[in-house]
Amino acid sequence: MYDGTRGNGRRGQAHRGGKRADGRERVRLGQLLVCLALFLAVFLGRGIFPDRLAELGGRVRRAISADTDFAAVFSQLGETLADHDSVVGELGDFCVQVFGPQDNKAQQTGTGDCPPIADLLDRESRFLTQRPDGQKLARHYLSAENGQMVVTLGTRQVERAQPAEAPEPEHQAIPAAGTVVLKSDYSGRALPQGYTMDRLSLGELDTVTPVLGRINSAYGYRDHPINGVYQFHGGVDIGGQMGDPIAAFAAGTVEYVGQDDSYGLYLQLDHGNGVKSFYAHCSSLCVKKGQTVAKGEKIGQVGSSGAATGPHLHLELKYGKTHVDPIYYIQYRSAA
């Protein structure tokens, strides 16, 4: 026996199911339109925002991904289209970006940064019916404000979080003057009293190189170039031309000036805090005892006075009563 009520119920259910199916298709069509519009915005505007595709893809995926099957279809479509050239390939790459790994959760309602899908589709449909050009698409979906990238979906704007600034490096305290900062592995003849091969800190002393030249004779034991005796050389000999200016190693006071047969014309500066510098074999001196000098100020000229085989500066550095190797604290030209 025919049951009209039951039959009408089935037809009613089928009718309602068809409406739901049609609704889903309309949603999917709207999603495709939004996807294409966003793709065009990025493709045409990527000259302005070339590095924002991945970020935009994530925003769009959360906003328009209504169900997993739909996302999978477009992901598969994107992989197929990506094999082609030109705009088709771009569209394929974009679809893969947008519909990549999914979280399998529908987002029909607005949560977090995403507006409700129905409102979004309605707004975007109205916008797309105006047939916007590439510039309008780019302005509609992408904008930059106050140095921040803003992704625009409908009327909602979500600011991109700025990366945290790198922490400033911690200030390292400068060791006090006289502190051993480099222990030497010297294993030669015993050093004379008052000499060390270790590098000592000069504290916060601001220094310059008095004469920039080649090292003719280093700090340490050597055969004396004139008498041939093997003895300790308490400084470095820096080659130069006669009359080259000699700069003060650091700011300080002229402790003394003098002249003898060994060092020729010489002077010593006291830089305070136990640090002193000594200059010898000068052709002339430009300062007097007790005079205050600035770092780098001209205090004399290169010469060959005293026991010297040619023009050079003999430079010694001291901390207290201890001589240190000047090579640690100056610049020089290589022998090559």
C-alpha atoms as a PDB file:
ATOM      1  CA  MET A   1       0.000   0.000   0.000  1.00  0.00           C
ATOM      2  CA  TYR A   2       1.292   3.412  -0.964  1.00  0.00           C
ATOM      3  CA  ASP A   3       2.118   5.632   1.992  1.00  0.00           C
ATOM      4  CA  GLY A   4       1.851   9.200   0.738  1.00  0.00           C
ATOM      5  CA  THR A   5       3.112  10.727   3.935  1.00  0.00           C
ATOM      6  CA  ARG A   6       6.274   8.590   3.928  1.00  0.00           C
ATOM      7  CA  GLY A   7       6.828   9.269   0.220  1.00  0.00           C
ATOM      8  CA  ASN A   8       6.405  12.992   0.683  1.00  0.00           C
ATOM      9  CA  GLY A   9       8.912  12.810   3.542  1.00  0.00           C
ATOM     10  CA  ARG A  10      11.513  11.156   1.302  1.00  0.00           C
ATOM     11  CA  ARG A  11      10.929  13.698  -1.424  1.00  0.00           C
ATOM     12  CA  GLY A  12      11.153  16.488   1.160  1.00  0.00           C
ATOM     13  CA  GLN A  13      14.401  15.079   2.501  1.00  0.00           C
ATOM     14  CA  ALA A  14      15.782  14.727  -1.021  1.00  0.00           C
ATOM     15  CA  HIS A  15      14.748  18.301  -1.771  1.00  0.00           C
ATOM     16  CA  ARG A  16      16.406  19.601   1.369  1.00  0.00           C
ATOM     17  CA  GLY A  17      19.512  17.506   0.624  1.00  0.00           C
ATOM     18  CA  GLY A  18      19.659  19.009  -2.852  1.00  0.00           C
ATOM     19  CA  LYS A  19      19.470  22.480  -1.368  1.00  0.00           C
ATOM     20  CA  ARG A  20      22.302  21.632   1.013  1.00  0.00           C
ATOM     21  CA  ALA A  21      24.356  20.241  -1.885  1.00  0.00           C
ATOM     22  CA  ASP A  22      23.661  23.339  -3.951  1.00  0.00           C
ATOM     23  CA  GLY A  23      24.663  25.471  -0.972  1.00  0.00           C
ATOM     24  CA  ARG A  24      27.931  23.598  -0.611  1.00  0.00           C
ATOM     25  CA  GLU A  25      28.629  24.041  -4.312  1.00  0.00           C
ATOM     26  CA  ARG A  26      27.956  27.754  -4.049  1.00  0.00           C
ATOM     27  CA  VAL A  27      30.309  27.970  -1.088  1.00  0.00           C
ATOM     28  CA  ARG A  28      32.951  26.064  -3.007  1.00  0.00           C
ATOM     29  CA  LEU A  29      32.488  28.284  -6.034  1.00  0.00           C
ATOM     30  CA  GLY A  30      32.802  31.330  -3.830  1.00  0.00           C
ATOM     31  CA  GLN A  31      35.919  29.865  -2.262  1.00  0.00           C
ATOM     32  CA  LEU A  32      37.413  29.288  -5.696  1.00  0.00           C
ATOM     33  CA  LEU A  33      36.644  32.892  -6.675  1.00  0.00           C
ATOM     34  CA  VAL A  34      38.329  34.164  -3.513  1.00  0.00           C
ATOM     35  CA  CYS A  35      41.280  31.857  -4.149  1.00  0.00           C
ATOM     36  CA  LEU A  36      41.636  33.136  -7.725  1.00  0.00           C
ATOM     37  CA  ALA A  37      41.281  36.754  -6.617  1.00  0.00           C
ATOM     38  CA  LEU A  38      43.917  36.328  -3.943  1.00  0.00           C
ATOM     39  CA  PHE A  39      46.173  34.573  -6.403  1.00  0.00           C
ATOM     40  CA  LEU A  40      45.849  37.453  -8.869  1.00  0.00           C
ATOM     41  CA  ALA A  41      46.502  39.958  -6.096  1.00  0.00           C
ATOM     42  CA  VAL A  42      49.682  38.174  -5.101  1.00  0.00           C
ATOM     43  CA  PHE A  43      50.781  37.381  -8.672  1.00  0.00           C
ATOM     44  CA  LEU A  44      50.274  40.953  -9.904  1.00  0.00           C
ATOM     45  CA  GLY A  45      51.510  42.571  -6.721  1.00  0.00           C
ATOM     46  CA  ARG A  46      54.432  40.276  -5.969  1.00  0.00           C
ATOM     47  CA  GLY A  47      56.835  42.904  -7.274  1.00  0.00           C
ATOM     48  CA  ILE A  48      55.853  44.915  -4.207  1.00  0.00           C
ATOM     49  CA  PHE A  49      55.418  42.041  -1.771  1.00  0.00           C
ATOM     50  CA  PRO A  50      57.559  39.180  -3.197  1.00  0.00           C
ATOM     51  CA  ASP A  51      58.144  37.393   0.077  1.00  0.00           C
ATOM     52  CA  ARG A  52      54.591  37.297   1.489  1.00  0.00           C
ATOM     53  CA  LEU A  53      53.140  34.362  -0.475  1.00  0.00           C
ATOM     54  CA  ALA A  54      53.681  31.734   2.205  1.00  0.00           C
ATOM     55  CA  GLU A  55      52.253  33.934   4.956  1.00  0.00           C
ATOM     56  CA  LEU A  56      49.196  34.877   2.881  1.00  0.00           C
ATOM     57  CA  GLY A  57      48.647  31.230   1.998  1.00  0.00           C
ATOM     58  CA  GLY A  58      48.351  30.370   5.667  1.00  0.00           C
ATOM     59  CA  ARG A  59      45.850  33.183   6.292  1.00  0.00           C
ATOM     60  CA  VAL A  60      43.713  32.231   3.318  1.00  0.00           C
ATOM     61  CA  ARG A  61      43.757  28.532   4.165  1.00  0.00           C
ATOM     62  CA  ARG A  62      42.358  29.220   7.633  1.00  0.00           C
ATOM     63  CA  ALA A  63      39.744  31.646   6.268  1.00  0.00           C
ATOM     64  CA  ILE A  64      38.300  29.715   3.312  1.00  0.00           C
ATOM     65  CA  SER A  65      39.008  26.056   3.903  1.00  0.00           C
ATOM     66  CA  ALA A  66      35.496  24.718   4.543  1.00  0.00           C
ATOM     67  CA  ASP A  67      36.149  20.981   4.413  1.00  0.00           C
ATOM     68  CA  THR A  68      39.040  18.612   3.958  1.00  0.00           C
ATOM     69  CA  ASP A  69      37.805  17.074   0.702  1.00  0.00           C
ATOM     70  CA  PHE A  70      37.614  20.492  -0.942  1.00  0.00           C
ATOM     71  CA  ALA A  71      41.115  21.371   0.168  1.00  0.00           C
ATOM     72  CA  ALA A  72      42.457  18.033  -1.056  1.00  0.00           C
ATOM     73  CA  VAL A  73      40.868  18.531  -4.491  1.00  0.00           C
ATOM     74  CA  PHE A  74      42.499  21.928  -4.939  1.00  0.00           C
ATOM     75  CA  SER A  75      45.812  20.704  -3.575  1.00  0.00           C
ATOM     76  CA  GLN A  76      45.780  17.901  -6.136  1.00  0.00           C
ATOM     77  CA  LEU A  77      44.730  20.372  -8.838  1.00  0.00           C
ATOM     78  CA  GLY A  78      47.581  22.659  -7.848  1.00  0.00           C
ATOM     79  CA  GLU A  79      50.141  19.863  -8.110  1.00  0.00           C
ATOM     80  CA  THR A  80      48.874  19.108 -11.627  1.00  0.00           C
ATOM     81  CA  LEU A  81      48.827  22.741 -12.758  1.00  0.00           C
ATOM     82  CA  ALA A  82      52.259  23.421 -11.273  1.00  0.00           C
ATOM     83  CA  ASP A  83      53.795  21.309 -14.053  1.00  0.00           C
ATOM     84  CA  HIS A  84      52.653  23.896 -16.612  1.00  0.00           C
ATOM     85  CA  ASP A  85      54.289  27.187 -17.455  1.00  0.00           C
ATOM     86  CA  SER A  86      53.356  30.854 -17.087  1.00  0.00           C
ATOM     87  CA  VAL A  87      50.208  31.832 -15.185  1.00  0.00           C
ATOM     88  CA  VAL A  88      48.855  28.287 -15.038  1.00  0.00           C
ATOM     89  CA  GLY A  89      51.967  27.166 -13.219  1.00  0.00           C
ATOM     90  CA  GLU A  90      51.726  30.142 -10.891  1.00  0.00           C
ATOM     91  CA  LEU A  91      48.119  29.254 -10.104  1.00  0.00           C
ATOM     92  CA  GLY A  92      49.124  25.667  -9.418  1.00  0.00           C
ATOM     93  CA  ASP A  93      51.925  26.734  -7.071  1.00  0.00           C
ATOM     94  CA  PHE A  94      49.518  29.071  -5.289  1.00  0.00           C
ATOM     95  CA  CYS A  95      46.910  26.345  -4.813  1.00  0.00           C
ATOM     96  CA  VAL A  96      49.564  24.053  -3.360  1.00  0.00           C
ATOM     97  CA  GLN A  97      50.639  26.855  -1.028  1.00  0.00           C
ATOM     98  CA  VAL A  98      47.064  27.599   0.063  1.00  0.00           C
ATOM     99  CA  PHE A  99      45.667  24.083   0.184  1.00  0.00           C
ATOM    100  CA  GLY A 100      48.737  22.283   1.487  1.00  0.00           C
ATOM    101  CA  PRO A 101      48.760  20.314   4.757  1.00  0.00           C
ATOM    102  CA  GLN A 102      45.349  20.589   6.409  1.00  0.00           C
ATOM    103  CA  ASP A 103      44.251  20.250  10.007  1.00  0.00           C
ATOM    104  CA  ASN A 104      41.043  18.423   8.910  1.00  0.00           C
ATOM    105  CA  LYS A 105      38.859  20.890  10.838  1.00  0.00           C
ATOM    106  CA  ALA A 106      36.092  22.840   9.178  1.00  0.00           C
ATOM    107  CA  GLN A 107      36.073  26.598   9.722  1.00  0.00           C
ATOM    108  CA  GLN A 108      32.604  27.658   8.692  1.00  0.00           C
ATOM    109  CA  THR A 109      32.416  30.136  11.567  1.00  0.00           C
ATOM    110  CA  GLY A 110      34.870  32.870  12.363  1.00  0.00           C
ATOM    111  CA  THR A 111      37.486  32.070  15.005  1.00  0.00           C
ATOM    112  CA  GLY A 112      40.697  33.822  15.965  1.00  0.00           C
ATOM    113  CA  ASP A 113      41.921  35.958  13.048  1.00  0.00           C
ATOM    114  CA  CYS A 114      39.369  34.630  10.496  1.00  0.00           C
ATOM    115  CA  PRO A 115      35.954  36.210   9.788  1.00  0.00           C
ATOM    116  CA  PRO A 116      32.896  33.929   9.214  1.00  0.00           C
ATOM    117  CA  ILE A 117      33.073  32.307   5.789  1.00  0.00           C
ATOM    118  CA  ALA A 118      29.564  33.414   4.778  1.00  0.00           C
ATOM    119  CA  ASP A 119      30.326  37.081   5.482  1.00  0.00           C
ATOM    120  CA  LEU A 120      33.672  36.783   3.762  1.00  0.00           C
ATOM    121  CA  LEU A 121      32.186  35.266   0.603  1.00  0.00           C
ATOM    122  CA  ASP A 122      29.456  37.877   0.482  1.00  0.00           C
ATOM    123  CA  ARG A 123      31.920  40.737   0.765  1.00  0.00           C
ATOM    124  CA  GLU A 124      34.348  39.277  -1.732  1.00  0.00           C
ATOM    125  CA  SER A 125      31.588  38.523  -4.237  1.00  0.00           C
ATOM    126  CA  ARG A 126      30.483  42.160  -4.150  1.00  0.00           C
ATOM    127  CA  PHE A 127      34.067  43.295  -4.609  1.00  0.00           C
ATOM    128  CA  LEU A 128      34.761  40.915  -7.500  1.00  0.00           C
ATOM    129  CA  THR A 129      31.634  41.972  -9.410  1.00  0.00           C
ATOM    130  CA  GLN A 130      33.261  45.412  -9.755  1.00  0.00           C
ATOM    131  CA  ARG A 131      35.928  43.796 -11.989  1.00  0.00           C
ATOM    132  CA  PRO A 132      38.918  45.276 -10.135  1.00  0.00           C
ATOM    133  CA  ASP A 133      42.265  45.533 -11.910  1.00  0.00           C
ATOM    134  CA  GLY A 134      45.519  44.157 -10.555  1.00  0.00           C
ATOM    135  CA  GLN A 135      46.353  47.283  -8.582  1.00  0.00           C
ATOM    136  CA  LYS A 136      42.974  47.295  -6.843  1.00  0.00           C
ATOM    137  CA  LEU A 137      43.286  43.587  -6.080  1.00  0.00           C
ATOM    138  CA  ALA A 138      46.683  44.144  -4.510  1.00  0.00           C
ATOM    139  CA  ARG A 139      45.437  47.091  -2.461  1.00  0.00           C
ATOM    140  CA  HIS A 140      42.321  45.162  -1.400  1.00  0.00           C
ATOM    141  CA  TYR A 141      44.122  42.057  -0.175  1.00  0.00           C
ATOM    142  CA  LEU A 142      47.563  43.359   0.726  1.00  0.00           C
ATOM    143  CA  SER A 143      48.674  46.607   2.306  1.00  0.00           C
ATOM    144  CA  ALA A 144      51.611  47.958   4.265  1.00  0.00           C
ATOM    145  CA  GLU A 145      51.062  50.231   7.240  1.00  0.00           C
ATOM    146  CA  ASN A 146      53.623  51.718   9.562  1.00  0.00           C
ATOM    147  CA  GLY A 147      56.314  49.324   8.405  1.00  0.00           C
ATOM    148  CA  GLN A 148      54.115  46.283   9.109  1.00  0.00           C
ATOM    149  CA  MET A 149      52.673  43.852   6.620  1.00  0.00           C
ATOM    150  CA  VAL A 150      48.860  43.668   6.851  1.00  0.00           C
ATOM    151  CA  VAL A 151      46.860  40.834   5.287  1.00  0.00           C
ATOM    152  CA  THR A 152      43.346  42.048   4.484  1.00  0.00           C
ATOM    153  CA  LEU A 153      40.445  39.576   4.310  1.00  0.00           C
ATOM    154  CA  GLY A 154      37.235  41.432   3.698  1.00  0.00           C
ATOM    155  CA  THR A 155      37.140  44.192   6.292  1.00  0.00           C
ATOM    156  CA  ARG A 156      39.250  42.362   8.880  1.00  0.00           C
ATOM    157  CA  GLN A 157      42.936  43.226   9.094  1.00  0.00           C
ATOM    158  CA  VAL A 158      45.461  41.110  10.918  1.00  0.00           C
ATOM    159  CA  GLU A 159      48.841  42.634  11.619  1.00  0.00           C
ATOM    160  CA  ARG A 160      51.860  40.462  11.186  1.00  0.00           C
ATOM    161  CA  ALA A 161      53.859  40.192  14.374  1.00  0.00           C
ATOM    162  CA  GLN A 162      57.258  41.814  14.078  1.00  0.00           C
ATOM    163  CA  PRO A 163      60.325  39.707  14.880  1.00  0.00           C
ATOM    164  CA  ALA A 164      61.816  40.376  18.264  1.00  0.00           C
ATOM    165  CA  GLU A 165      64.901  42.532  18.225  1.00  0.00           C
ATOM    166  CA  ALA A 166      68.157  40.691  18.727  1.00  0.00           C
ATOM    167  CA  PRO A 167      69.415  41.167  22.267  1.00  0.00           C
ATOM    168  CA  GLU A 168      72.310  43.526  22.600  1.00  0.00           C
ATOM    169  CA  PRO A 169      75.620  41.794  23.294  1.00  0.00           C
ATOM    170  CA  GLU A 170      76.597  41.886  26.916  1.00  0.00           C
ATOM    171  CA  HIS A 171      79.275  44.416  27.722  1.00  0.00           C
ATOM    172  CA  GLN A 172      82.500  42.650  28.610  1.00  0.00           C
ATOM    173  CA  ALA A 173      84.502  44.299  31.344  1.00  0.00           C
ATOM    174  CA  ILE A 174      88.038  45.311  30.332  1.00  0.00           C
ATOM    175  CA  PRO A 175      90.651  43.658  32.542  1.00  0.00           C
ATOM    176  CA  ALA A 176      92.501  46.016  34.844  1.00  0.00           C
ATOM    177  CA  ALA A 177      95.867  47.296  33.667  1.00  0.00           C
ATOM    178  CA  GLY A 178      98.634  44.789  34.430  1.00  0.00           C
ATOM    179  CA  THR A 179      96.339  41.728  34.235  1.00  0.00           C
ATOM    180  CA  VAL A 180      97.797  38.861  32.203  1.00  0.00           C
ATOM    181  CA  VAL A 181      95.411  38.404  29.240  1.00  0.00           C
ATOM    182  CA  LEU A 182      97.630  36.040  27.203  1.00  0.00           C
ATOM    183  CA  LYS A 183     100.057  33.610  28.788  1.00  0.00           C
ATOM    184  CA  SER A 184     103.123  33.071  26.613  1.00  0.00           C
ATOM    185  CA  ASP A 185     104.487  29.588  25.911  1.00  0.00           C
ATOM    186  CA  TYR A 186     108.025  30.956  25.770  1.00  0.00           C
ATOM    187  CA  SER A 187     110.633  28.281  26.614  1.00  0.00           C
ATOM    188  CA  GLY A 188     113.922  29.918  25.641  1.00  0.00           C
ATOM    189  CA  ARG A 189     116.715  31.386  27.715  1.00  0.00           C
ATOM    190  CA  ALA A 190     115.693  32.838  31.058  1.00  0.00           C
ATOM    191  CA  LEU A 191     114.422  36.384  30.720  1.00  0.00           C
ATOM    192  CA  PRO A 192     116.190  39.296  32.359  1.00  0.00           C
ATOM    193  CA  GLN A 193     114.570  40.680  35.466  1.00  0.00           C
ATOM    194  CA  GLY A 194     111.750  43.107  34.667  1.00  0.00           C
ATOM    195  CA  TYR A 195     110.824  41.576  31.284  1.00  0.00           C
ATOM    196  CA  THR A 196     107.925  39.335  30.350  1.00  0.00           C
ATOM    197  CA  MET A 197     106.709  37.555  27.247  1.00  0.00           C
ATOM    198  CA  ASP A 198     103.106  37.547  28.504  1.00  0.00           C
ATOM    199  CA  ARG A 199     100.575  39.986  27.149  1.00  0.00           C
ATOM    200  CA  LEU A 200      99.310  42.355  29.833  1.00  0.00           C
ATOM    201  CA  SER A 201      96.163  44.429  29.742  1.00  0.00           C
ATOM    202  CA  LEU A 202      96.615  48.171  29.412  1.00  0.00           C
ATOM    203  CA  GLY A 203      93.183  48.740  30.905  1.00  0.00           C
ATOM    204  CA  GLU A 204      90.970  51.218  29.063  1.00  0.00           C
ATOM    205  CA  LEU A 205      93.901  53.104  27.525  1.00  0.00           C
ATOM    206  CA  ASP A 206      93.076  54.385  24.017  1.00  0.00           C
ATOM    207  CA  THR A 207      96.118  53.852  21.790  1.00  0.00           C
ATOM    208  CA  VAL A 208      97.506  54.337  18.250  1.00  0.00           C
ATOM    209  CA  THR A 209     100.534  53.004  16.379  1.00  0.00           C
ATOM    210  CA  PRO A 210     103.382  55.563  16.661  1.00  0.00           C
ATOM    211  CA  VAL A 211     104.952  54.647  13.296  1.00  0.00           C
ATOM    212  CA  LEU A 212     103.488  52.221  10.769  1.00  0.00           C
ATOM    213  CA  GLY A 213     106.331  50.236   9.203  1.00  0.00           C
ATOM    214  CA  ARG A 214     108.048  46.869   9.059  1.00  0.00           C
ATOM    215  CA  ILE A 215     109.483  45.271  12.169  1.00  0.00           C
ATOM    216  CA  ASN A 216     113.250  45.275  11.639  1.00  0.00           C
ATOM    217  CA  SER A 217     114.053  43.729  15.001  1.00  0.00           C
ATOM    218  CA  ALA A 218     111.639  42.035  17.398  1.00  0.00           C
ATOM    219  CA  TYR A 219     111.384  41.978  21.190  1.00  0.00           C
ATOM    220  CA  GLY A 220     113.527  39.227  22.708  1.00  0.00           C
ATOM    221  CA  TYR A 221     117.012  37.768  22.463  1.00  0.00           C
ATOM    222  CA  ARG A 222     119.078  38.643  19.369  1.00  0.00           C
ATOM    223  CA  ASP A 223     122.597  39.268  18.104  1.00  0.00           C
ATOM    224  CA  HIS A 224     123.174  42.981  18.472  1.00  0.00           C
ATOM    225  CA  PRO A 225     123.495  44.465  14.947  1.00  0.00           C
ATOM    226  CA  ILE A 226     126.555  46.558  15.879  1.00  0.00           C
ATOM    227  CA  ASN A 227     128.603  44.714  18.537  1.00  0.00           C
ATOM    228  CA  GLY A 228     127.339  41.202  17.716  1.00  0.00           C
ATOM    229  CA  VAL A 229     126.651  40.336  21.359  1.00  0.00           C
ATOM    230  CA  TYR A 230     123.716  37.970  21.964  1.00  0.00           C
ATOM    231  CA  GLN A 231     121.528  39.940  24.318  1.00  0.00           C
ATOM    232  CA  PHE A 232     117.941  40.812  25.098  1.00  0.00           C
ATOM    233  CA  HIS A 233     116.293  43.500  22.978  1.00  0.00           C
ATOM    234  CA  GLY A 234     113.737  45.282  25.179  1.00  0.00           C
ATOM    235  CA  GLY A 235     111.560  46.762  22.430  1.00  0.00           C
ATOM    236  CA  VAL A 236     110.792  46.612  18.717  1.00  0.00           C
ATOM    237  CA  ASP A 237     112.563  48.458  15.911  1.00  0.00           C
ATOM    238  CA  ILE A 238     110.075  49.857  13.388  1.00  0.00           C
ATOM    239  CA  GLY A 239     111.497  50.830  10.018  1.00  0.00           C
ATOM    240  CA  GLY A 240     110.769  54.265   8.608  1.00  0.00           C
ATOM    241  CA  GLN A 241     112.096  57.140   6.543  1.00  0.00           C
ATOM    242  CA  MET A 242     114.201  59.913   7.981  1.00  0.00           C
ATOM    243  CA  GLY A 243     111.919  62.624   9.303  1.00  0.00           C
ATOM    244  CA  ASP A 244     108.734  60.537   9.425  1.00  0.00           C
ATOM    245  CA  PRO A 245     106.454  61.813  12.245  1.00  0.00           C
ATOM    246  CA  ILE A 246     106.292  59.835  15.494  1.00  0.00           C
ATOM    247  CA  ALA A 247     102.860  59.841  17.142  1.00  0.00           C
ATOM    248  CA  ALA A 248     102.198  59.547  20.864  1.00  0.00           C
ATOM    249  CA  PHE A 249     101.098  55.971  21.650  1.00  0.00           C
ATOM    250  CA  ALA A 250      98.405  57.373  23.952  1.00  0.00           C
ATOM    251  CA  ALA A 251      97.515  60.559  25.767  1.00  0.00           C
ATOM    252  CA  GLY A 252      99.891  61.342  28.597  1.00  0.00           C
ATOM    253  CA  THR A 253     102.648  63.515  29.995  1.00  0.00           C
ATOM    254  CA  VAL A 254     106.274  63.761  28.859  1.00  0.00           C
ATOM    255  CA  GLU A 255     108.159  62.192  31.778  1.00  0.00           C
ATOM    256  CA  TYR A 256     111.633  62.973  30.446  1.00  0.00           C
ATOM    257  CA  VAL A 257     113.677  63.651  27.311  1.00  0.00           C
ATOM    258  CA  GLY A 258     117.364  62.915  26.763  1.00  0.00           C
ATOM    259  CA  GLN A 259     120.243  61.919  24.502  1.00  0.00           C
ATOM    260  CA  ASP A 260     123.095  59.393  24.746  1.00  0.00           C
ATOM    261  CA  ASP A 261     125.428  57.344  22.564  1.00  0.00           C
ATOM    262  CA  SER A 262     123.192  54.244  22.676  1.00  0.00           C
ATOM    263  CA  TYR A 263     119.625  55.549  22.263  1.00  0.00           C
ATOM    264  CA  GLY A 264     120.458  58.858  20.588  1.00  0.00           C
ATOM    265  CA  LEU A 265     117.595  61.336  21.057  1.00  0.00           C
ATOM    266  CA  TYR A 266     114.873  59.762  23.223  1.00  0.00           C
ATOM    267  CA  LEU A 267     111.839  60.524  25.371  1.00  0.00           C
ATOM    268  CA  GLN A 268     109.364  58.728  27.621  1.00  0.00           C
ATOM    269  CA  LEU A 269     105.629  59.324  28.078  1.00  0.00           C
ATOM    270  CA  ASP A 270     103.657  58.481  31.213  1.00  0.00           C
ATOM    271  CA  HIS A 271     100.097  57.468  30.291  1.00  0.00           C
ATOM    272  CA  GLY A 272      98.923  56.971  33.840  1.00  0.00           C
ATOM    273  CA  ASN A 273      97.743  53.811  35.578  1.00  0.00           C
ATOM    274  CA  GLY A 274     101.295  52.411  35.414  1.00  0.00           C
ATOM    275  CA  VAL A 275     101.606  52.416  31.598  1.00  0.00           C
ATOM    276  CA  LYS A 276     104.585  54.144  29.911  1.00  0.00           C
ATOM    277  CA  SER A 277     106.059  54.308  26.382  1.00  0.00           C
ATOM    278  CA  PHE A 278     109.683  54.974  25.362  1.00  0.00           C
ATOM    279  CA  TYR A 279     110.897  56.298  21.959  1.00  0.00           C
ATOM    280  CA  ALA A 280     114.546  56.286  20.798  1.00  0.00           C
ATOM    281  CA  HIS A 281     116.903  57.053  17.860  1.00  0.00           C
ATOM    282  CA  CYS A 282     114.841  60.131  16.954  1.00  0.00           C
ATOM    283  CA  SER A 283     116.205  62.756  14.566  1.00  0.00           C
ATOM    284  CA  SER A 284     114.394  65.472  16.521  1.00  0.00           C
ATOM    285  CA  LEU A 285     112.004  65.904  19.447  1.00  0.00           C
ATOM    286  CA  CYS A 286     108.900  68.097  19.362  1.00  0.00           C
ATOM    287  CA  VAL A 287     108.008  68.097  23.092  1.00  0.00           C
ATOM    288  CA  LYS A 288     109.508  69.076  26.415  1.00  0.00           C
ATOM    289  CA  LYS A 289     109.540  67.491  29.855  1.00  0.00           C
ATOM    290  CA  GLY A 290     106.253  67.956  31.697  1.00  0.00           C
ATOM    291  CA  GLN A 291     104.275  68.698  28.540  1.00  0.00           C
ATOM    292  CA  THR A 292     100.826  67.100  28.150  1.00  0.00           C
ATOM    293  CA  VAL A 293     100.227  65.388  24.822  1.00  0.00           C
ATOM    294  CA  ALA A 294      97.168  63.911  23.139  1.00  0.00           C
ATOM    295  CA  LYS A 295      96.895  60.443  21.646  1.00  0.00           C
ATOM    296  CA  GLY A 296      98.452  60.510  18.168  1.00  0.00           C
ATOM    297  CA  GLU A 297     100.072  63.916  18.636  1.00  0.00           C
ATOM    298  CA  LYS A 298     103.445  64.379  16.917  1.00  0.00           C
ATOM    299  CA  ILE A 299     106.183  64.099  19.535  1.00  0.00           C
ATOM    300  CA  GLY A 300     109.282  63.638  17.335  1.00  0.00           C
ATOM    301  CA  GLN A 301     110.671  62.434  14.025  1.00  0.00           C
ATOM    302  CA  VAL A 302     112.220  59.154  12.903  1.00  0.00           C
ATOM    303  CA  GLY A 303     115.998  59.169  12.754  1.00  0.00           C
ATOM    304  CA  SER A 304     119.137  57.103  13.289  1.00  0.00           C
ATOM    305  CA  SER A 305     120.757  58.922  16.201  1.00  0.00           C
ATOM    306  CA  GLY A 306     122.806  56.883  18.675  1.00  0.00           C
ATOM    307  CA  ALA A 307     123.810  53.262  17.941  1.00  0.00           C
ATOM    308  CA  ALA A 308     121.691  52.670  14.831  1.00  0.00           C
ATOM    309  CA  THR A 309     122.364  51.249  11.371  1.00  0.00           C
ATOM    310  CA  GLY A 310     119.566  53.232   9.691  1.00  0.00           C
ATOM    311  CA  PRO A 311     116.450  55.327  10.329  1.00  0.00           C
ATOM    312  CA  HIS A 312     113.929  53.591  12.552  1.00  0.00           C
ATOM    313  CA  LEU A 313     111.971  53.986  15.778  1.00  0.00           C
ATOM    314  CA  HIS A 314     112.953  51.926  18.797  1.00  0.00           C
ATOM    315  CA  LEU A 315     109.718  51.572  20.827  1.00  0.00           C
ATOM    316  CA  GLU A 316     109.409  50.159  24.321  1.00  0.00           C
ATOM    317  CA  LEU A 317     106.264  49.680  26.422  1.00  0.00           C
ATOM    318  CA  LYS A 318     106.187  49.197  30.188  1.00  0.00           C
ATOM    319  CA  TYR A 319     103.701  48.463  32.903  1.00  0.00           C
ATOM    320  CA  GLY A 320     105.199  49.571  36.199  1.00  0.00           C
ATOM    321  CA  LYS A 321     108.742  48.193  36.215  1.00  0.00           C
ATOM    322  CA  THR A 322     107.964  45.416  33.741  1.00  0.00           C
ATOM    323  CA  HIS A 323     108.761  45.641  30.029  1.00  0.00           C
ATOM    324  CA  VAL A 324     106.204  44.058  27.687  1.00  0.00           C
ATOM    325  CA  ASP A 325     106.354  43.141  24.002  1.00  0.00           C
ATOM    326  CA  PRO A 326     105.050  46.153  21.999  1.00  0.00           C
ATOM    327  CA  ILE A 327     104.037  43.874  19.118  1.00  0.00           C
ATOM    328  CA  TYR A 328     100.858  42.992  21.049  1.00  0.00           C
ATOM    329  CA  TYR A 329      99.637  46.587  20.973  1.00  0.00           C
ATOM    330  CA  ILE A 330     100.601  48.078  17.599  1.00  0.00           C
ATOM    331  CA  GLN A 331      99.983  47.557  13.904  1.00  0.00           C
ATOM    332  CA  TYR A 332     102.846  46.956  11.464  1.00  0.00           C
ATOM    333  CA  ARG A 333     103.524  46.138   7.837  1.00  0.00           C
ATOM    334  CA  SER A 334     104.339  42.587   6.832  1.00  0.00           C
ATOM    335  CA  ALA A 335     107.813  41.779   5.595  1.00  0.00           C
ATOM    336  CA  ALA A 336     106.516  40.622   2.171  1.00  0.00           C
END
